Amino acid sequence: MCLMVRTSIQLPKNQMNVLFIVSDDLRPSLGSYGDAVVQTPNLDKLAQRSVQFTTAASQQAVCGPSRTSFLTGRRPDTTKLLSNKKATYWRDNAGNFTSLPQHFKNAGYMTVSAGKIFHPGRASNFTDDYPYSWSVPPYHPSTHKFKNAPVCPGTDGKLYTNIVCPVDVSQQPEGTLPDIQSTQYAINFLKNHSTHSNTRNQPFFLAVGYHKPHIPLKYPKKFLDLYPIEKIHVAPDPSRPIHMPPVAYEPWTDIRWRDDIAALNLSFPYEQMPDGYAKRIRQSYYAATSYMDSLIGELLEALDHYGLGDNTVVSFVGDHGWALGEHLEWSKFNNFRVATNVPLMVHVPGLTDYKGNEGSDTRHSGIVSNALVELVDLFPTLAELTGIKVPDICPDDSSKIILCSEGLSFAPLLKNSTMPWKKAIFSQYPRPSNNPQENTCEPSLSEMTIMGYSMQTSQHRYTEWIQYDHDTRKGNWSNVHATELYIHHMEDRNVASDEEFADLVKQLSNQLQQGWRNAMPKIIT
C-alpha cells in the first residue's frame, strides 16, 4: 500500500450540517453527466455547485450489500452481507462496526433518516440500525407497503403489477407516493430544526433516501410528458458482449414476474426485449428519474429557505446503477459498469461553489473529477469535510475494530480535482453456478459457489470469476472459472482470451489479486 499523507482543506469554522441524499438504482443518467435525453434540472444545479465524479463505483450492485458497505465504510467481504436474500446483520455476523450516521451521532449530531437509507429488514436488524445510528426512529413512508401492489392502470381499466407504472397520484392508496412523503418529512425536519431554539444550535446529519427510480417505475404520469416515445431509443449496445462468459450474465428474474413483462412471454434467459417495450421501460425510467429530481429540488429549496444552505454539506449518490437494455441486461446484479457505476456529487459551501459566468449551461458546468472513487470512500470523506474524526484505514482483520474504514477520504479532490488518485476501484458479485439460473441474480449465501471480483482502472475493466467457499467466505484464486477484460469503457467484446492482450491480463490479474490496498494513492500535501 502506498504511503498516504493527508492534505489539508479549508472549511468554515462553524460545525457544518450534512444532507446525505441517496437514490435507489440510479445510473449516471443525469443532464450534468451529459445525458442528452433525461431532464434533471435540480441535480444539474447541484452539480454546478459541487465536485462531480465521473467514475464512482459501488462495491456490489444490489441494494443491501451496497448500502451496508458504504454506511459502514467496509467492503462486502468484511460486512459478510453479499445478498438481499436471507440477509445478515453486520453487527451480529461480522463485527460491531460503527456506522456513518452513528459516527456523527457520537460526535454530537442529531441524526435523522427519511425513506430508504439502510436496506430495511434483516440487513439492518429490522430497525434501520436504530438506536445505534439514529437519534430518532427512522421514518418510512406509509405508502411504501404498496410497492408491489396491483396499482398500475392498464388500458382495459384494470389494475396490474407492472414495471411501467405512470399513475394519477390522487387515485393511489392514501393519495400520495412514498418519495413525496419522505420529502415532506425531511422538509418538516429542516423547518423545525431552524425554528426551535433547542435544536438549531445542534448540527444535524439528515439522510434522505429516494426509492425512485427503483422498479416498479411508478411516478406521477405528468412526468411521462417530458419524454415522447418517438424520441426514445433502445440501448446502443443491446446484445451480449462477444465472448462474454455465461457466469457474467444476470437474467433479470426480478422483473420477469411483473404482469407487463410476463405478458411478453420471453424465453429464459437470453431472449431480447422487444424494441417497443424496451423504449417504454427506458421512457419510464427517465420519467421516474425526473420525478425524483423534482422532489430533490423541493428539498434543496427548503434547505436554503430555512437558512441552512450556507452551512450544510450536501452529498448525492446512487446506491448502484441499473441496466436499460445494455448487454441484453435489464437490471443490476452484475459487474458491468452500467450496474456498478453511479452518479456522485458533493457540495461544500465556500469550497466547491462554481465560479463560472452567470447563466451558464448548468448541464455542463461545475467541477468535474475523473478520479477513481468508491462508495466506501463516503464515510471518511464526510467525516473529514465536517471536521470530526476521520477513521483510520482498517487492518487486514478488522472484525474487532469498531471504527475504521476500507475506503479513503476523497476530500483532497474537492480542493484539487485533478490530483493523482486511486489506481483502481473494486466491485464484486456472487453466483450460484456458471450458467444463468432462476437464482442467479440473488443467490443466498448457501447457494454461492462463485465470486466475480471486478476492477476498474482508467482504461480497463477486468474480472475474474473464482471458486467461492460460502462457509469460510473466501475465494480460491487458483480456481478461475472465467475471465473478462474490456478496453476503454467499451464493454461490447471480452478480449481476455485474445493473444495480444495476454501480458495485460497477467498484469491486471496480479493487480486485482493484490486488492484495494495496493490501489491507494500517494497523497502529497
Protein backbone atom coordinates (compact mmCIF):
# COMPACT_ATOMS: atom_id res chain seq x y z
CA MET A 1 0.00 0.00 0.00
CA CYS A 2 1.31 3.45 -0.91
CA LEU A 3 2.31 5.90 1.81
CA MET A 4 -0.51 8.33 2.44
CA VAL A 5 -0.01 11.89 3.63
CA ARG A 6 -3.30 13.70 4.19
CA THR A 7 -3.72 17.08 2.57
CA SER A 8 -5.42 19.93 4.41
CA ILE A 9 -8.54 21.72 3.18
CA GLN A 10 -10.01 24.95 4.49
CA LEU A 11 -13.55 24.67 5.86
CA PRO A 12 -15.92 27.07 7.59
CA LYS A 13 -15.26 27.46 11.31
CA ASN A 14 -18.80 26.56 12.40
CA GLN A 15 -19.72 22.89 12.63
CA MET A 16 -21.36 22.02 9.32
CA ASN A 17 -24.52 20.00 8.86
CA VAL A 18 -24.79 17.12 6.41
CA LEU A 19 -27.60 16.45 3.94
CA PHE A 20 -26.97 12.93 2.69
CA ILE A 21 -29.18 12.07 -0.32
CA VAL A 22 -29.34 8.55 -1.75
CA SER A 23 -31.22 7.49 -4.87
CA ASP A 24 -32.14 3.85 -5.46
CA ASP A 25 -30.96 2.09 -8.66
CA LEU A 26 -29.75 5.33 -10.26
CA ARG A 27 -27.22 5.09 -13.06
CA PRO A 28 -25.28 8.20 -14.15
CA SER A 29 -28.13 9.25 -16.46
CA LEU A 30 -28.34 12.90 -15.48
CA GLY A 31 -28.06 16.07 -17.50
CA SER A 32 -24.88 17.07 -15.69
CA TYR A 33 -23.35 13.75 -16.76
CA GLY A 34 -24.00 14.56 -20.39
CA ASP A 35 -27.17 12.54 -20.90
CA ALA A 36 -28.95 14.25 -23.78
CA VAL A 37 -32.37 12.74 -23.03
CA VAL A 38 -33.02 12.86 -19.30
CA GLN A 39 -34.21 16.12 -17.71
CA THR A 40 -32.80 16.65 -14.20
CA PRO A 41 -32.58 20.44 -13.74
CA ASN A 42 -32.31 20.37 -9.94
CA LEU A 43 -29.49 17.87 -9.77
CA ASP A 44 -27.79 19.73 -12.62
CA LYS A 45 -27.88 22.89 -10.50
CA LEU A 46 -26.45 20.98 -7.55
CA ALA A 47 -23.69 19.67 -9.80
CA GLN A 48 -22.85 23.25 -10.76
CA ARG A 49 -22.01 23.93 -7.09
CA SER A 50 -20.31 20.59 -6.47
CA VAL A 51 -17.44 18.37 -7.41
CA GLN A 52 -18.98 15.71 -9.63
CA PHE A 53 -17.21 12.38 -10.06
CA THR A 54 -17.35 10.69 -13.44
CA THR A 55 -16.18 7.28 -12.21
CA ALA A 56 -17.63 6.26 -8.87
CA ALA A 57 -18.25 2.57 -8.19
CA SER A 58 -20.48 0.80 -5.72
CA GLN A 59 -18.90 -2.24 -4.13
CA GLN A 60 -21.76 -4.54 -5.12
CA ALA A 61 -24.63 -3.89 -7.49
CA VAL A 62 -27.51 -4.76 -5.19
CA CYS A 63 -29.16 -2.63 -2.51
CA GLY A 64 -28.47 -4.35 0.81
CA PRO A 65 -24.79 -5.17 0.32
CA SER A 66 -24.05 -1.79 -1.30
CA ARG A 67 -25.76 0.26 1.41
CA THR A 68 -24.31 -1.76 4.26
CA SER A 69 -20.89 -1.30 2.67
CA PHE A 70 -20.92 2.47 2.28
CA LEU A 71 -22.77 3.03 5.56
CA THR A 72 -20.12 1.09 7.48
CA GLY A 73 -17.13 2.09 5.34
CA ARG A 74 -16.28 -1.57 4.77
CA ARG A 75 -16.47 -3.84 1.76
CA PRO A 76 -18.92 -6.73 1.29
CA ASP A 77 -16.35 -9.41 2.14
CA THR A 78 -15.90 -7.66 5.50
CA THR A 79 -19.57 -6.95 6.29
CA LYS A 80 -20.39 -10.53 5.24
CA LEU A 81 -23.52 -9.27 3.52
CA LEU A 82 -23.48 -10.43 -0.10
CA SER A 83 -27.17 -10.71 -0.99
CA ASN A 84 -30.59 -9.31 -0.11
CA LYS A 85 -31.85 -12.89 0.10
CA LYS A 86 -31.59 -14.27 3.65
CA ALA A 87 -29.55 -11.21 4.58
CA THR A 88 -27.45 -10.92 7.72
CA TYR A 89 -26.96 -8.06 10.17
CA TRP A 90 -23.34 -6.99 10.22
CA ARG A 91 -23.23 -6.30 13.97
CA ASP A 92 -24.17 -9.94 14.68
CA ASN A 93 -22.23 -11.65 11.90
CA ALA A 94 -19.22 -9.52 11.06
CA GLY A 95 -18.42 -7.12 13.89
CA ASN A 96 -19.90 -4.28 15.90
CA PHE A 97 -18.76 -1.70 13.34
CA THR A 98 -19.57 1.97 13.80
CA SER A 99 -21.84 3.19 11.03
CA LEU A 100 -21.59 6.51 9.19
CA PRO A 101 -24.61 8.13 10.91
CA GLN A 102 -23.58 6.57 14.24
CA HIS A 103 -20.18 8.26 13.94
CA PHE A 104 -21.91 11.61 13.51
CA LYS A 105 -24.31 10.86 16.36
CA ASN A 106 -21.34 10.07 18.61
CA ALA A 107 -19.83 13.42 17.58
CA GLY A 108 -22.89 15.30 18.87
CA TYR A 109 -25.01 15.45 15.72
CA MET A 110 -28.76 15.00 15.51
CA THR A 111 -29.05 12.06 13.07
CA VAL A 112 -32.28 11.56 11.15
CA SER A 113 -33.28 9.07 8.45
CA ALA A 114 -36.16 9.56 5.99
CA GLY A 115 -37.02 6.96 3.37
CA LYS A 116 -34.63 4.22 2.27
CA ILE A 117 -31.12 4.65 3.71
CA PHE A 118 -30.22 1.34 5.31
CA HIS A 119 -31.73 -1.58 3.45
CA PRO A 120 -34.80 -2.44 5.54
CA GLY A 121 -35.35 -5.84 7.09
CA ARG A 122 -32.83 -8.34 8.40
CA ALA A 123 -29.84 -6.49 6.88
CA SER A 124 -30.37 -3.65 9.38
CA ASN A 125 -31.88 -5.72 12.23
CA PHE A 126 -35.45 -4.72 11.21
CA THR A 127 -34.79 -1.32 12.84
CA ASP A 128 -32.67 0.51 10.25
CA ASP A 129 -29.91 0.17 12.87
CA TYR A 130 -31.81 2.25 15.42
CA PRO A 131 -30.87 3.36 18.05
CA TYR A 132 -27.20 2.90 17.18
CA SER A 133 -27.28 5.11 14.09
CA TRP A 134 -30.21 7.46 14.59
CA SER A 135 -31.30 9.97 17.21
CA VAL A 136 -34.97 9.27 16.48
CA PRO A 137 -36.67 6.24 14.90
CA PRO A 138 -36.18 6.25 11.11
CA TYR A 139 -39.11 7.44 9.03
CA HIS A 140 -40.57 5.10 6.43
CA PRO A 141 -43.41 6.37 4.23
CA SER A 142 -46.66 4.58 4.91
CA THR A 143 -47.37 4.06 1.20
CA HIS A 144 -44.22 2.02 0.59
CA LYS A 145 -46.16 -1.09 1.58
CA PHE A 146 -47.95 -0.79 -1.76
CA LYS A 147 -44.66 -1.09 -3.68
CA ASN A 148 -45.64 -4.34 -5.41
CA ALA A 149 -49.41 -3.98 -5.16
CA PRO A 150 -51.56 -4.01 -8.32
CA VAL A 151 -51.94 -0.25 -8.64
CA CYS A 152 -50.79 0.31 -12.23
CA PRO A 153 -53.71 1.15 -14.53
CA GLY A 154 -53.96 -0.85 -17.75
CA THR A 155 -55.66 0.11 -20.99
CA ASP A 156 -58.50 -2.27 -20.10
CA GLY A 157 -59.33 -0.31 -16.94
CA LYS A 158 -57.93 -3.00 -14.61
CA LEU A 159 -55.01 -2.59 -12.19
CA TYR A 160 -51.77 -4.52 -12.61
CA THR A 161 -48.37 -5.10 -11.04
CA ASN A 162 -46.26 -3.70 -13.86
CA ILE A 163 -42.75 -2.37 -14.19
CA VAL A 164 -44.06 0.56 -16.29
CA CYS A 165 -46.44 2.40 -13.97
CA PRO A 166 -47.33 6.08 -14.57
CA VAL A 167 -50.14 6.95 -12.18
CA ASP A 168 -52.63 9.58 -11.11
CA VAL A 169 -51.35 10.28 -7.61
CA SER A 170 -54.79 11.22 -6.32
CA GLN A 171 -56.02 7.73 -7.25
CA GLN A 172 -53.18 5.95 -5.44
CA PRO A 173 -53.58 4.42 -1.96
CA GLU A 174 -53.58 7.27 0.59
CA GLY A 175 -53.49 9.74 -2.32
CA THR A 176 -49.70 10.05 -2.36
CA LEU A 177 -46.42 8.23 -3.12
CA PRO A 178 -43.52 7.19 -0.87
CA ASP A 179 -40.93 9.70 -2.10
CA ILE A 180 -43.41 12.56 -1.75
CA GLN A 181 -43.95 11.55 1.87
CA SER A 182 -40.21 11.24 2.61
CA THR A 183 -39.51 14.65 1.09
CA GLN A 184 -42.19 16.29 3.20
CA TYR A 185 -40.87 14.63 6.34
CA ALA A 186 -37.36 15.89 5.58
CA ILE A 187 -38.60 19.41 4.83
CA ASN A 188 -40.54 19.46 8.10
CA PHE A 189 -37.39 18.45 9.92
CA LEU A 190 -35.45 21.33 8.33
CA LYS A 191 -38.20 23.76 9.26
CA ASN A 192 -38.38 22.57 12.85
CA HIS A 193 -34.62 22.48 13.24
CA SER A 194 -34.25 26.07 12.07
CA THR A 195 -37.04 27.49 14.23
CA HIS A 196 -36.69 25.65 17.55
CA SER A 197 -34.13 27.12 19.90
CA ASN A 198 -33.37 23.75 21.48
CA THR A 199 -32.26 22.20 18.16
CA ARG A 200 -30.98 24.94 15.88
CA ASN A 201 -27.58 25.07 17.60
CA GLN A 202 -27.06 21.33 17.23
CA PRO A 203 -25.59 20.19 13.90
CA PHE A 204 -27.60 17.59 12.01
CA PHE A 205 -26.95 14.63 9.74
CA LEU A 206 -30.10 14.29 7.66
CA ALA A 207 -30.22 11.25 5.37
CA VAL A 208 -32.97 11.20 2.75
CA GLY A 209 -33.37 8.06 0.68
CA TYR A 210 -35.42 8.14 -2.52
CA HIS A 211 -36.99 4.91 -3.76
CA LYS A 212 -37.06 6.04 -7.36
CA PRO A 213 -36.06 5.16 -9.99
CA HIS A 214 -36.08 1.66 -8.46
CA ILE A 215 -38.69 -0.59 -10.03
CA PRO A 216 -41.62 -0.54 -10.27
CA LEU A 217 -41.31 2.63 -12.32
CA LYS A 218 -44.24 4.26 -10.51
CA TYR A 219 -44.40 8.05 -10.76
CA PRO A 220 -46.89 10.88 -11.41
CA LYS A 221 -47.95 10.46 -15.01
CA LYS A 222 -47.26 14.11 -15.84
CA PHE A 223 -43.56 13.27 -15.98
CA LEU A 224 -44.20 10.97 -18.91
CA ASP A 225 -45.00 14.07 -20.97
CA LEU A 226 -41.32 15.05 -20.79
CA TYR A 227 -40.39 12.02 -22.89
CA PRO A 228 -42.37 11.49 -26.11
CA ILE A 229 -41.93 7.86 -27.05
CA GLU A 230 -40.81 8.76 -30.58
CA LYS A 231 -37.72 10.42 -29.06
CA ILE A 232 -36.75 7.36 -27.03
CA HIS A 233 -34.17 4.96 -28.47
CA VAL A 234 -33.11 1.48 -27.47
CA ALA A 235 -29.69 0.98 -25.91
CA PRO A 236 -26.83 1.45 -28.39
CA ASP A 237 -25.30 -1.88 -27.30
CA PRO A 238 -28.28 -4.21 -26.74
CA SER A 239 -26.50 -7.53 -27.40
CA ARG A 240 -24.46 -9.75 -25.15
CA PRO A 241 -20.78 -8.84 -25.43
CA ILE A 242 -18.76 -11.07 -27.74
CA HIS A 243 -17.03 -13.83 -25.72
CA MET A 244 -18.82 -12.82 -22.53
CA PRO A 245 -18.81 -15.88 -20.21
CA PRO A 246 -22.30 -17.02 -19.19
CA VAL A 247 -21.42 -16.59 -15.50
CA ALA A 248 -21.21 -12.83 -16.05
CA TYR A 249 -24.80 -12.58 -17.27
CA GLU A 250 -27.77 -11.91 -15.00
CA PRO A 251 -31.15 -12.94 -16.47
CA TRP A 252 -33.22 -10.16 -14.82
CA THR A 253 -35.52 -12.53 -12.93
CA ASP A 254 -36.57 -9.66 -10.67
CA ILE A 255 -38.66 -8.12 -13.45
CA ARG A 256 -39.86 -11.21 -15.38
CA TRP A 257 -42.68 -11.89 -12.90
CA ARG A 258 -44.28 -8.45 -13.35
CA ASP A 259 -47.53 -8.51 -15.30
CA ASP A 260 -46.39 -6.44 -18.26
CA ILE A 261 -43.10 -8.33 -18.69
CA ALA A 262 -44.70 -11.74 -18.15
CA ALA A 263 -47.20 -10.91 -20.91
CA LEU A 264 -44.30 -10.65 -23.38
CA ASN A 265 -43.66 -14.39 -22.85
CA LEU A 266 -39.88 -14.06 -23.27
CA SER A 267 -37.84 -17.24 -23.23
CA PHE A 268 -35.29 -17.65 -20.42
CA PRO A 269 -32.58 -16.46 -20.23
CA TYR A 270 -31.43 -14.77 -23.45
CA GLU A 271 -34.43 -13.63 -25.49
CA GLN A 272 -34.17 -9.92 -26.24
CA MET A 273 -36.74 -7.42 -25.01
CA PRO A 274 -38.90 -6.24 -27.96
CA ASP A 275 -37.79 -2.79 -29.09
CA GLY A 276 -41.21 -1.28 -28.48
CA TYR A 277 -41.29 -2.32 -24.84
CA ALA A 278 -37.60 -1.59 -24.37
CA LYS A 279 -38.38 2.01 -25.31
CA ARG A 280 -41.31 2.11 -22.88
CA ILE A 281 -39.13 0.92 -19.98
CA ARG A 282 -36.42 3.45 -20.82
CA GLN A 283 -39.05 6.19 -21.14
CA SER A 284 -40.46 5.39 -17.70
CA TYR A 285 -37.00 5.13 -16.12
CA TYR A 286 -36.27 8.66 -17.34
CA ALA A 287 -39.67 9.87 -16.12
CA ALA A 288 -39.11 8.31 -12.69
CA THR A 289 -35.69 9.97 -12.56
CA SER A 290 -37.21 13.38 -13.37
CA TYR A 291 -39.85 12.81 -10.68
CA MET A 292 -37.11 12.07 -8.14
CA ASP A 293 -35.18 15.14 -9.34
CA SER A 294 -38.22 17.38 -8.79
CA LEU A 295 -38.51 16.26 -5.17
CA ILE A 296 -34.81 16.84 -4.56
CA GLY A 297 -35.39 20.33 -5.94
CA GLU A 298 -38.03 20.90 -3.25
CA LEU A 299 -35.67 19.58 -0.58
CA LEU A 300 -32.76 21.78 -1.64
CA GLU A 301 -35.03 24.79 -1.92
CA ALA A 302 -36.20 24.19 1.66
CA LEU A 303 -32.58 23.91 2.83
CA ASP A 304 -31.92 27.41 1.52
CA HIS A 305 -35.33 28.78 2.54
CA TYR A 306 -34.71 27.90 6.18
CA GLY A 307 -31.25 29.46 6.14
CA LEU A 308 -29.30 26.20 6.32
CA GLY A 309 -27.73 26.01 2.87
CA ASP A 310 -24.64 28.07 3.70
CA ASN A 311 -23.61 25.68 6.45
CA THR A 312 -24.57 22.27 5.07
CA VAL A 313 -22.51 19.76 3.14
CA VAL A 314 -24.73 18.14 0.51
CA SER A 315 -23.80 14.78 -0.96
CA PHE A 316 -25.83 12.99 -3.59
CA VAL A 317 -25.23 9.41 -4.67
CA GLY A 318 -26.90 6.36 -6.19
CA ASP A 319 -26.52 3.05 -4.36
CA HIS A 320 -25.69 1.29 -7.65
CA GLY A 321 -26.67 1.51 -11.30
CA TRP A 322 -29.29 -0.20 -13.44
CA ALA A 323 -29.15 -1.56 -17.00
CA LEU A 324 -31.65 -0.32 -19.57
CA GLY A 325 -31.04 -2.94 -22.23
CA GLU A 326 -27.27 -2.62 -22.43
CA HIS A 327 -25.57 -6.03 -22.87
CA LEU A 328 -29.06 -7.63 -23.00
CA GLU A 329 -29.43 -6.68 -19.32
CA TRP A 330 -32.45 -5.12 -17.62
CA SER A 331 -31.46 -4.82 -14.01
CA LYS A 332 -28.35 -4.79 -11.79
CA PHE A 333 -26.84 -7.92 -10.16
CA ASN A 334 -23.63 -7.93 -12.21
CA ASN A 335 -20.24 -6.25 -12.63
CA PHE A 336 -20.85 -4.26 -15.81
CA ARG A 337 -20.16 -0.55 -15.38
CA VAL A 338 -23.80 0.28 -16.05
CA ALA A 339 -24.65 -1.73 -12.91
CA THR A 340 -21.79 -0.72 -10.61
CA ASN A 341 -21.16 2.92 -11.52
CA VAL A 342 -23.25 5.70 -10.04
CA PRO A 343 -23.60 9.48 -10.01
CA LEU A 344 -21.75 11.06 -7.10
CA MET A 345 -21.51 14.77 -6.30
CA VAL A 346 -20.52 16.65 -3.16
CA HIS A 347 -21.21 20.30 -2.41
CA VAL A 348 -19.28 22.09 0.35
CA PRO A 349 -20.25 25.75 0.90
CA GLY A 350 -17.37 28.05 0.11
CA LEU A 351 -15.21 25.24 -1.26
CA THR A 352 -16.91 23.74 -4.30
CA ASP A 353 -19.12 26.62 -5.47
CA TYR A 354 -18.75 27.05 -9.20
CA LYS A 355 -17.36 30.43 -10.27
CA GLY A 356 -18.48 30.38 -13.87
CA ASN A 357 -20.46 33.02 -15.75
CA GLU A 358 -23.99 33.83 -14.70
CA GLY A 359 -26.49 31.95 -16.82
CA SER A 360 -24.00 29.35 -18.00
CA ASP A 361 -25.27 25.91 -19.04
CA THR A 362 -25.73 24.04 -15.76
CA ARG A 363 -25.75 20.70 -17.56
CA HIS A 364 -22.02 21.02 -18.19
CA SER A 365 -20.79 23.43 -15.53
CA GLY A 366 -19.27 22.78 -12.14
CA ILE A 367 -16.12 20.97 -11.14
CA VAL A 368 -15.64 17.53 -12.68
CA SER A 369 -13.19 14.96 -11.40
CA ASN A 370 -12.20 11.88 -13.37
CA ALA A 371 -10.52 10.38 -10.30
CA LEU A 372 -11.46 6.80 -9.49
CA VAL A 373 -13.54 6.77 -6.30
CA GLU A 374 -15.71 4.25 -4.49
CA LEU A 375 -18.81 4.47 -2.34
CA VAL A 376 -16.85 3.00 0.54
CA ASP A 377 -14.96 6.33 0.49
CA LEU A 378 -18.03 8.31 1.55
CA PHE A 379 -17.71 7.62 5.29
CA PRO A 380 -14.17 9.05 5.76
CA THR A 381 -14.87 11.86 3.28
CA LEU A 382 -17.89 13.25 5.12
CA ALA A 383 -16.06 12.92 8.41
CA GLU A 384 -13.14 14.95 7.10
CA LEU A 385 -15.34 17.59 5.49
CA THR A 386 -17.14 18.26 8.77
CA GLY A 387 -14.05 18.18 10.96
CA ILE A 388 -14.92 15.13 13.04
CA LYS A 389 -12.55 12.19 13.49
CA VAL A 390 -11.55 10.53 10.23
CA PRO A 391 -11.46 6.73 10.60
CA ASP A 392 -8.08 5.10 10.10
CA ILE A 393 -7.57 2.59 7.32
CA CYS A 394 -8.62 -0.86 8.52
CA PRO A 395 -6.01 -3.58 9.02
CA ASP A 396 -6.42 -6.92 7.24
CA ASP A 397 -8.50 -8.30 10.10
CA SER A 398 -10.75 -5.54 11.40
CA SER A 399 -13.50 -7.70 12.89
CA LYS A 400 -12.72 -6.46 16.41
CA ILE A 401 -12.15 -2.82 15.44
CA ILE A 402 -15.21 -0.67 15.97
CA LEU A 403 -14.11 2.36 13.94
CA CYS A 404 -12.01 2.12 10.80
CA SER A 405 -12.54 2.36 7.04
CA GLU A 406 -11.72 0.34 3.96
CA GLY A 407 -12.17 3.48 1.90
CA LEU A 408 -10.19 6.68 1.59
CA SER A 409 -11.42 10.23 2.10
CA PHE A 410 -11.55 11.98 -1.25
CA ALA A 411 -11.86 15.38 0.42
CA PRO A 412 -8.50 16.44 -1.12
CA LEU A 413 -10.10 16.05 -4.56
CA LEU A 414 -12.61 18.75 -3.70
CA LYS A 415 -9.69 21.16 -3.50
CA ASN A 416 -7.72 19.74 -6.43
CA SER A 417 -9.95 17.59 -8.63
CA THR A 418 -7.11 16.55 -10.96
CA MET A 419 -4.57 15.33 -8.39
CA PRO A 420 -3.32 11.72 -8.77
CA TRP A 421 -5.65 9.30 -7.01
CA LYS A 422 -6.50 5.61 -6.81
CA LYS A 423 -5.08 3.29 -9.44
CA ALA A 424 -8.20 1.11 -9.43
CA ILE A 425 -11.63 0.65 -7.86
CA PHE A 426 -13.31 -2.63 -6.95
CA SER A 427 -16.70 -4.35 -7.09
CA GLN A 428 -17.87 -7.92 -6.72
CA TYR A 429 -20.85 -10.17 -7.36
CA PRO A 430 -21.65 -13.78 -6.32
CA ARG A 431 -23.11 -16.52 -8.50
CA PRO A 432 -24.60 -19.95 -7.73
CA SER A 433 -23.32 -21.55 -10.97
CA ASN A 434 -21.55 -20.92 -14.25
CA ASN A 435 -24.79 -20.62 -16.22
CA PRO A 436 -27.86 -18.41 -15.71
CA GLN A 437 -30.48 -19.89 -13.39
CA GLU A 438 -33.55 -18.64 -11.59
CA ASN A 439 -31.43 -17.80 -8.53
CA THR A 440 -28.53 -16.24 -10.46
CA CYS A 441 -29.43 -12.66 -9.59
CA GLU A 442 -29.76 -13.04 -5.82
CA PRO A 443 -28.37 -16.29 -4.52
CA SER A 444 -28.50 -16.87 -0.78
CA LEU A 445 -25.18 -17.37 0.98
CA SER A 446 -25.53 -21.16 0.95
CA GLU A 447 -26.05 -21.07 -2.83
CA MET A 448 -22.93 -19.03 -3.61
CA THR A 449 -20.18 -21.08 -5.27
CA ILE A 450 -18.52 -18.44 -7.48
CA MET A 451 -17.47 -14.84 -6.81
CA GLY A 452 -16.79 -12.34 -9.55
CA TYR A 453 -14.15 -9.89 -8.38
CA SER A 454 -14.02 -6.91 -10.71
CA MET A 455 -11.60 -3.99 -11.00
CA GLN A 456 -11.84 -0.76 -12.97
CA THR A 457 -8.79 1.24 -13.96
CA SER A 458 -8.74 4.37 -16.08
CA GLN A 459 -8.52 2.20 -19.20
CA HIS A 460 -9.90 -1.24 -18.36
CA ARG A 461 -12.43 -3.35 -16.52
CA TYR A 462 -11.00 -6.70 -15.52
CA THR A 463 -12.89 -9.50 -13.74
CA GLU A 464 -12.07 -12.97 -12.51
CA TRP A 465 -14.87 -15.36 -11.56
CA ILE A 466 -13.31 -17.67 -8.98
CA GLN A 467 -14.39 -20.61 -6.85
CA TYR A 468 -16.00 -19.36 -3.63
CA ASP A 469 -16.45 -21.15 -0.31
CA HIS A 470 -19.58 -19.76 1.33
CA ASP A 471 -18.68 -21.34 4.68
CA THR A 472 -15.30 -19.63 5.03
CA ARG A 473 -16.40 -16.61 2.94
CA LYS A 474 -13.20 -16.86 0.89
CA GLY A 475 -12.40 -17.25 -2.78
CA ASN A 476 -9.85 -19.58 -4.33
CA TRP A 477 -7.76 -17.55 -6.79
CA SER A 478 -6.18 -20.74 -8.15
CA ASN A 479 -9.57 -21.91 -9.44
CA VAL A 480 -10.71 -19.34 -12.01
CA HIS A 481 -13.95 -20.20 -13.79
CA ALA A 482 -13.93 -17.29 -16.24
CA THR A 483 -12.09 -14.07 -17.03
CA GLU A 484 -13.24 -10.79 -18.55
CA LEU A 485 -11.30 -7.86 -19.97
CA TYR A 486 -12.93 -4.83 -21.56
CA ILE A 487 -10.94 -1.97 -23.02
CA HIS A 488 -11.59 1.79 -22.96
CA HIS A 489 -15.09 1.59 -21.45
CA MET A 490 -16.31 -0.38 -24.47
CA GLU A 491 -17.93 -3.44 -22.93
CA ASP A 492 -19.09 -4.98 -26.20
CA ARG A 493 -16.23 -7.50 -26.54
CA ASN A 494 -14.42 -9.53 -23.92
CA VAL A 495 -10.79 -9.71 -25.05
CA ALA A 496 -9.40 -11.67 -22.09
CA SER A 497 -8.59 -14.67 -24.30
CA ASP A 498 -7.08 -12.67 -27.15
CA GLU A 499 -3.38 -13.45 -27.50
CA GLU A 500 -2.43 -9.81 -28.00
CA PHE A 501 -3.71 -9.00 -24.50
CA ALA A 502 -2.06 -11.96 -22.71
CA ASP A 503 0.56 -9.83 -20.95
CA LEU A 504 -2.04 -7.25 -19.95
CA VAL A 505 -4.26 -9.97 -18.48
CA LYS A 506 -1.35 -11.22 -16.35
CA GLN A 507 -0.65 -7.69 -15.15
CA LEU A 508 -4.28 -6.94 -14.31
CA SER A 509 -4.77 -10.33 -12.68
CA ASN A 510 -1.89 -9.61 -10.32
CA GLN A 511 -3.26 -6.13 -9.61
CA LEU A 512 -6.75 -7.48 -8.93
CA GLN A 513 -5.48 -10.10 -6.51
CA GLN A 514 -3.38 -7.54 -4.64
CA GLY A 515 -6.66 -5.73 -4.00
CA TRP A 516 -7.80 -2.32 -2.91
CA ARG A 517 -4.93 -1.62 -0.53
CA ASN A 518 -2.40 -1.71 -3.34
CA ALA A 519 -4.51 0.75 -5.35
CA MET A 520 -4.25 3.54 -2.77
CA PRO A 521 -2.62 6.79 -3.92
CA LYS A 522 0.38 8.58 -2.57
CA ILE A 523 -1.03 11.93 -1.48
CA ILE A 524 1.36 14.85 -1.31
CA THR A 525 0.44 17.92 0.73
